[in-house]
Amino acid sequence: MTATTTEHLIRAYYDAFNRGDRAGFLALLADDVIHDVSQGEREIGRAAFARFLEHMDRCYRERIEDIVVMTTPDGRRAAAEFVVHGTYLATDPGVPPGTAPASGQRYTLPAGAFFEIRDGKVARISVHYNLGDWIAQVNAGATP
């Protein structure tokens, strides 16, 4: 891999996500992909990632914008900074107590992700955002 091919891979990853192309998105992942879920547990494998996406699609509608991709010169690692524009569609049982139930609240969150690339695929991804900011936005936009 080179820095350029890794940048193209990461951009393809977010393009597929934004198009809702889950099959195309999952095809960019290694079979044994490691996913460090923000505020959650580590999951391993493409099947686990597919289940995570199904859960996310049920509870949230999100679009990733303003993407900036940074790579190491050898293309083995990358990072992306972006803004998540989302809608809270269905109450997620995994959110912290005190979070308002879903009622179509909109949120905008700066976020970042770290990637490890192996054999032209995403082998590890770790996404990070400010959970407190998300909760505050969801609670402020809740329908009484």
C-alpha atoms as a PDB file:
ATOM      1  CA  MET A   1       0.000   0.000   0.000  1.00  0.00           C
ATOM      2  CA  THR A   2       1.015   3.587  -0.467  1.00  0.00           C
ATOM      3  CA  ALA A   3      -0.277   6.670   1.309  1.00  0.00           C
ATOM      4  CA  THR A   4      -2.330   7.508  -1.789  1.00  0.00           C
ATOM      5  CA  THR A   5      -3.970   4.068  -2.099  1.00  0.00           C
ATOM      6  CA  THR A   6      -4.761   4.090   1.618  1.00  0.00           C
ATOM      7  CA  GLU A   7      -6.356   7.521   1.333  1.00  0.00           C
ATOM      8  CA  HIS A   8      -8.480   6.247  -1.567  1.00  0.00           C
ATOM      9  CA  LEU A   9      -9.497   3.204   0.523  1.00  0.00           C
ATOM     10  CA  ILE A  10     -10.590   5.358   3.468  1.00  0.00           C
ATOM     11  CA  ARG A  11     -12.525   7.715   1.190  1.00  0.00           C
ATOM     12  CA  ALA A  12     -14.200   4.707  -0.487  1.00  0.00           C
ATOM     13  CA  TYR A  13     -15.109   3.436   3.006  1.00  0.00           C
ATOM     14  CA  TYR A  14     -16.931   6.668   3.876  1.00  0.00           C
ATOM     15  CA  ASP A  15     -18.434   7.018   0.388  1.00  0.00           C
ATOM     16  CA  ALA A  16     -19.964   3.531   0.672  1.00  0.00           C
ATOM     17  CA  PHE A  17     -21.244   4.362   4.175  1.00  0.00           C
ATOM     18  CA  ASN A  18     -22.870   7.583   2.964  1.00  0.00           C
ATOM     19  CA  ARG A  19     -24.497   5.811  -0.016  1.00  0.00           C
ATOM     20  CA  GLY A  20     -25.928   3.159   2.299  1.00  0.00           C
ATOM     21  CA  ASP A  21     -24.007   0.540   0.295  1.00  0.00           C
ATOM     22  CA  ARG A  22     -23.509  -1.901   3.159  1.00  0.00           C
ATOM     23  CA  ALA A  23     -22.238  -4.712   0.915  1.00  0.00           C
ATOM     24  CA  GLY A  24     -19.695  -2.393  -0.684  1.00  0.00           C
ATOM     25  CA  PHE A  25     -18.739  -1.042   2.717  1.00  0.00           C
ATOM     26  CA  LEU A  26     -18.218  -4.502   4.227  1.00  0.00           C
ATOM     27  CA  ALA A  27     -16.176  -5.592   1.181  1.00  0.00           C
ATOM     28  CA  LEU A  28     -13.537  -3.027   2.187  1.00  0.00           C
ATOM     29  CA  LEU A  29     -12.972  -4.784   5.520  1.00  0.00           C
ATOM     30  CA  ALA A  30     -10.624  -7.667   6.294  1.00  0.00           C
ATOM     31  CA  ASP A  31     -12.427 -10.871   7.308  1.00  0.00           C
ATOM     32  CA  ASP A  32     -10.956 -10.511  10.813  1.00  0.00           C
ATOM     33  CA  VAL A  33     -11.431  -6.751  11.091  1.00  0.00           C
ATOM     34  CA  ILE A  34     -11.080  -5.364  14.607  1.00  0.00           C
ATOM     35  CA  HIS A  35     -13.676  -2.737  15.480  1.00  0.00           C
ATOM     36  CA  ASP A  36     -13.159  -0.739  18.646  1.00  0.00           C
ATOM     37  CA  VAL A  37     -16.655   0.628  19.154  1.00  0.00           C
ATOM     38  CA  SER A  38     -16.675   4.132  20.608  1.00  0.00           C
ATOM     39  CA  GLN A  39     -17.710   3.920  24.258  1.00  0.00           C
ATOM     40  CA  GLY A  40     -18.096   0.158  23.848  1.00  0.00           C
ATOM     41  CA  GLU A  41     -16.487  -3.216  23.487  1.00  0.00           C
ATOM     42  CA  ARG A  42     -14.066  -4.499  20.866  1.00  0.00           C
ATOM     43  CA  GLU A  43     -15.708  -6.588  18.153  1.00  0.00           C
ATOM     44  CA  ILE A  44     -13.837  -8.867  15.767  1.00  0.00           C
ATOM     45  CA  GLY A  45     -14.846 -10.018  12.301  1.00  0.00           C
ATOM     46  CA  ARG A  46     -16.791  -8.796   9.319  1.00  0.00           C
ATOM     47  CA  ALA A  47     -19.970 -10.563  10.557  1.00  0.00           C
ATOM     48  CA  ALA A  48     -19.800  -8.670  13.865  1.00  0.00           C
ATOM     49  CA  PHE A  49     -19.331  -5.418  11.957  1.00  0.00           C
ATOM     50  CA  ALA A  50     -22.365  -6.244   9.794  1.00  0.00           C
ATOM     51  CA  ARG A  51     -24.465  -6.751  12.940  1.00  0.00           C
ATOM     52  CA  PHE A  52     -23.184  -3.426  14.292  1.00  0.00           C
ATOM     53  CA  LEU A  53     -24.258  -1.696  11.054  1.00  0.00           C
ATOM     54  CA  GLU A  54     -27.724  -3.290  11.228  1.00  0.00           C
ATOM     55  CA  HIS A  55     -28.118  -1.978  14.769  1.00  0.00           C
ATOM     56  CA  MET A  56     -26.906   1.477  13.762  1.00  0.00           C
ATOM     57  CA  ASP A  57     -29.216   1.597  10.725  1.00  0.00           C
ATOM     58  CA  ARG A  58     -32.167   0.695  12.956  1.00  0.00           C
ATOM     59  CA  CYS A  59     -31.439   3.397  15.553  1.00  0.00           C
ATOM     60  CA  TYR A  60     -29.670   6.134  13.602  1.00  0.00           C
ATOM     61  CA  ARG A  61     -29.470   7.766  10.178  1.00  0.00           C
ATOM     62  CA  GLU A  62     -26.017   9.292   9.735  1.00  0.00           C
ATOM     63  CA  ARG A  63     -24.015  11.014   7.042  1.00  0.00           C
ATOM     64  CA  ILE A  64     -20.274  11.661   7.291  1.00  0.00           C
ATOM     65  CA  GLU A  65     -19.090  15.022   5.915  1.00  0.00           C
ATOM     66  CA  ASP A  66     -16.040  17.282   5.892  1.00  0.00           C
ATOM     67  CA  ILE A  67     -13.706  14.279   5.807  1.00  0.00           C
ATOM     68  CA  VAL A  68      -9.969  14.843   6.170  1.00  0.00           C
ATOM     69  CA  VAL A  69      -7.783  11.749   5.735  1.00  0.00           C
ATOM     70  CA  MET A  70      -4.219  11.482   7.019  1.00  0.00           C
ATOM     71  CA  THR A  71      -1.958   8.511   6.293  1.00  0.00           C
ATOM     72  CA  THR A  72       1.471   7.249   7.201  1.00  0.00           C
ATOM     73  CA  PRO A  73       3.963   7.332   4.304  1.00  0.00           C
ATOM     74  CA  ASP A  74       3.855   3.517   3.993  1.00  0.00           C
ATOM     75  CA  GLY A  75       0.029   3.473   3.930  1.00  0.00           C
ATOM     76  CA  ARG A  76      -0.256   0.990   6.810  1.00  0.00           C
ATOM     77  CA  ARG A  77      -2.106   3.382   9.110  1.00  0.00           C
ATOM     78  CA  ALA A  78      -4.526   6.232   8.619  1.00  0.00           C
ATOM     79  CA  ALA A  79      -6.698   8.620  10.531  1.00  0.00           C
ATOM     80  CA  ALA A  80      -9.777  10.535   9.492  1.00  0.00           C
ATOM     81  CA  GLU A  81     -11.417  13.551  11.035  1.00  0.00           C
ATOM     82  CA  PHE A  82     -14.990  14.289  10.039  1.00  0.00           C
ATOM     83  CA  VAL A  83     -18.384  15.602  11.097  1.00  0.00           C
ATOM     84  CA  VAL A  84     -21.304  13.244  11.720  1.00  0.00           C
ATOM     85  CA  HIS A  85     -24.728  14.620  10.786  1.00  0.00           C
ATOM     86  CA  GLY A  86     -27.328  12.324  12.248  1.00  0.00           C
ATOM     87  CA  THR A  87     -30.887  11.658  13.308  1.00  0.00           C
ATOM     88  CA  TYR A  88     -31.819   9.518  16.310  1.00  0.00           C
ATOM     89  CA  LEU A  89     -34.524   7.250  14.831  1.00  0.00           C
ATOM     90  CA  ALA A  90     -35.239   4.539  17.409  1.00  0.00           C
ATOM     91  CA  THR A  91     -34.273   4.368  21.066  1.00  0.00           C
ATOM     92  CA  ASP A  92     -30.982   2.542  21.424  1.00  0.00           C
ATOM     93  CA  PRO A  93     -31.011   0.331  24.523  1.00  0.00           C
ATOM     94  CA  GLY A  94     -27.232   0.739  24.777  1.00  0.00           C
ATOM     95  CA  VAL A  95     -27.181   4.478  25.451  1.00  0.00           C
ATOM     96  CA  PRO A  96     -26.426   5.762  28.953  1.00  0.00           C
ATOM     97  CA  PRO A  97     -29.235   6.322  31.474  1.00  0.00           C
ATOM     98  CA  GLY A  98     -30.619   9.822  31.309  1.00  0.00           C
ATOM     99  CA  THR A  99     -30.563   9.947  27.510  1.00  0.00           C
ATOM    100  CA  ALA A 100     -33.914  10.962  26.041  1.00  0.00           C
ATOM    101  CA  PRO A 101     -35.804   8.370  23.999  1.00  0.00           C
ATOM    102  CA  ALA A 102     -35.472   8.719  20.237  1.00  0.00           C
ATOM    103  CA  SER A 103     -37.929  11.092  18.625  1.00  0.00           C
ATOM    104  CA  GLY A 104     -36.112  12.154  15.469  1.00  0.00           C
ATOM    105  CA  GLN A 105     -33.592  14.390  17.231  1.00  0.00           C
ATOM    106  CA  ARG A 106     -30.840  15.717  14.975  1.00  0.00           C
ATOM    107  CA  TYR A 107     -27.216  15.968  16.023  1.00  0.00           C
ATOM    108  CA  THR A 108     -23.934  17.173  14.579  1.00  0.00           C
ATOM    109  CA  LEU A 109     -20.732  15.784  16.067  1.00  0.00           C
ATOM    110  CA  PRO A 110     -17.082  16.178  15.254  1.00  0.00           C
ATOM    111  CA  ALA A 111     -15.464  12.735  15.311  1.00  0.00           C
ATOM    112  CA  GLY A 112     -12.340  10.861  14.354  1.00  0.00           C
ATOM    113  CA  ALA A 113     -11.272   7.374  13.395  1.00  0.00           C
ATOM    114  CA  PHE A 114      -8.011   5.460  13.361  1.00  0.00           C
ATOM    115  CA  PHE A 115      -7.334   2.719  10.828  1.00  0.00           C
ATOM    116  CA  GLU A 116      -4.877  -0.080  10.284  1.00  0.00           C
ATOM    117  CA  ILE A 117      -4.616  -1.356   6.707  1.00  0.00           C
ATOM    118  CA  ARG A 118      -3.575  -4.875   5.702  1.00  0.00           C
ATOM    119  CA  ASP A 119      -3.566  -6.361   2.195  1.00  0.00           C
ATOM    120  CA  GLY A 120      -5.606  -3.460   0.816  1.00  0.00           C
ATOM    121  CA  LYS A 121      -8.406  -3.814   3.399  1.00  0.00           C
ATOM    122  CA  VAL A 122      -9.336  -2.101   6.643  1.00  0.00           C
ATOM    123  CA  ALA A 123      -8.014  -4.433   9.343  1.00  0.00           C
ATOM    124  CA  ARG A 124      -8.774  -2.246  12.371  1.00  0.00           C
ATOM    125  CA  ILE A 125     -10.959   0.774  12.975  1.00  0.00           C
ATOM    126  CA  SER A 126     -11.422   2.754  16.145  1.00  0.00           C
ATOM    127  CA  VAL A 127     -13.967   5.604  16.100  1.00  0.00           C
ATOM    128  CA  HIS A 128     -14.104   8.336  18.721  1.00  0.00           C
ATOM    129  CA  TYR A 129     -16.563  11.133  19.480  1.00  0.00           C
ATOM    130  CA  ASN A 130     -17.735  13.113  22.488  1.00  0.00           C
ATOM    131  CA  LEU A 131     -20.582  11.053  23.969  1.00  0.00           C
ATOM    132  CA  GLY A 132     -21.525  13.850  26.395  1.00  0.00           C
ATOM    133  CA  ASP A 133     -22.008  16.245  23.474  1.00  0.00           C
ATOM    134  CA  TRP A 134     -24.210  13.696  21.680  1.00  0.00           C
ATOM    135  CA  ILE A 135     -26.357  13.151  24.801  1.00  0.00           C
ATOM    136  CA  ALA A 136     -26.745  16.916  25.315  1.00  0.00           C
ATOM    137  CA  GLN A 137     -27.858  17.397  21.698  1.00  0.00           C
ATOM    138  CA  VAL A 138     -30.298  14.466  21.846  1.00  0.00           C
ATOM    139  CA  ASN A 139     -31.761  15.620  25.149  1.00  0.00           C
ATOM    140  CA  ALA A 140     -32.091  19.231  23.946  1.00  0.00           C
ATOM    141  CA  GLY A 141     -33.933  18.121  20.799  1.00  0.00           C
ATOM    142  CA  ALA A 142     -36.236  15.614  22.489  1.00  0.00           C
ATOM    143  CA  THR A 143     -39.968  15.892  21.898  1.00  0.00           C
ATOM    144  CA  PRO A 144     -41.735  16.339  25.256  1.00  0.00           C
END
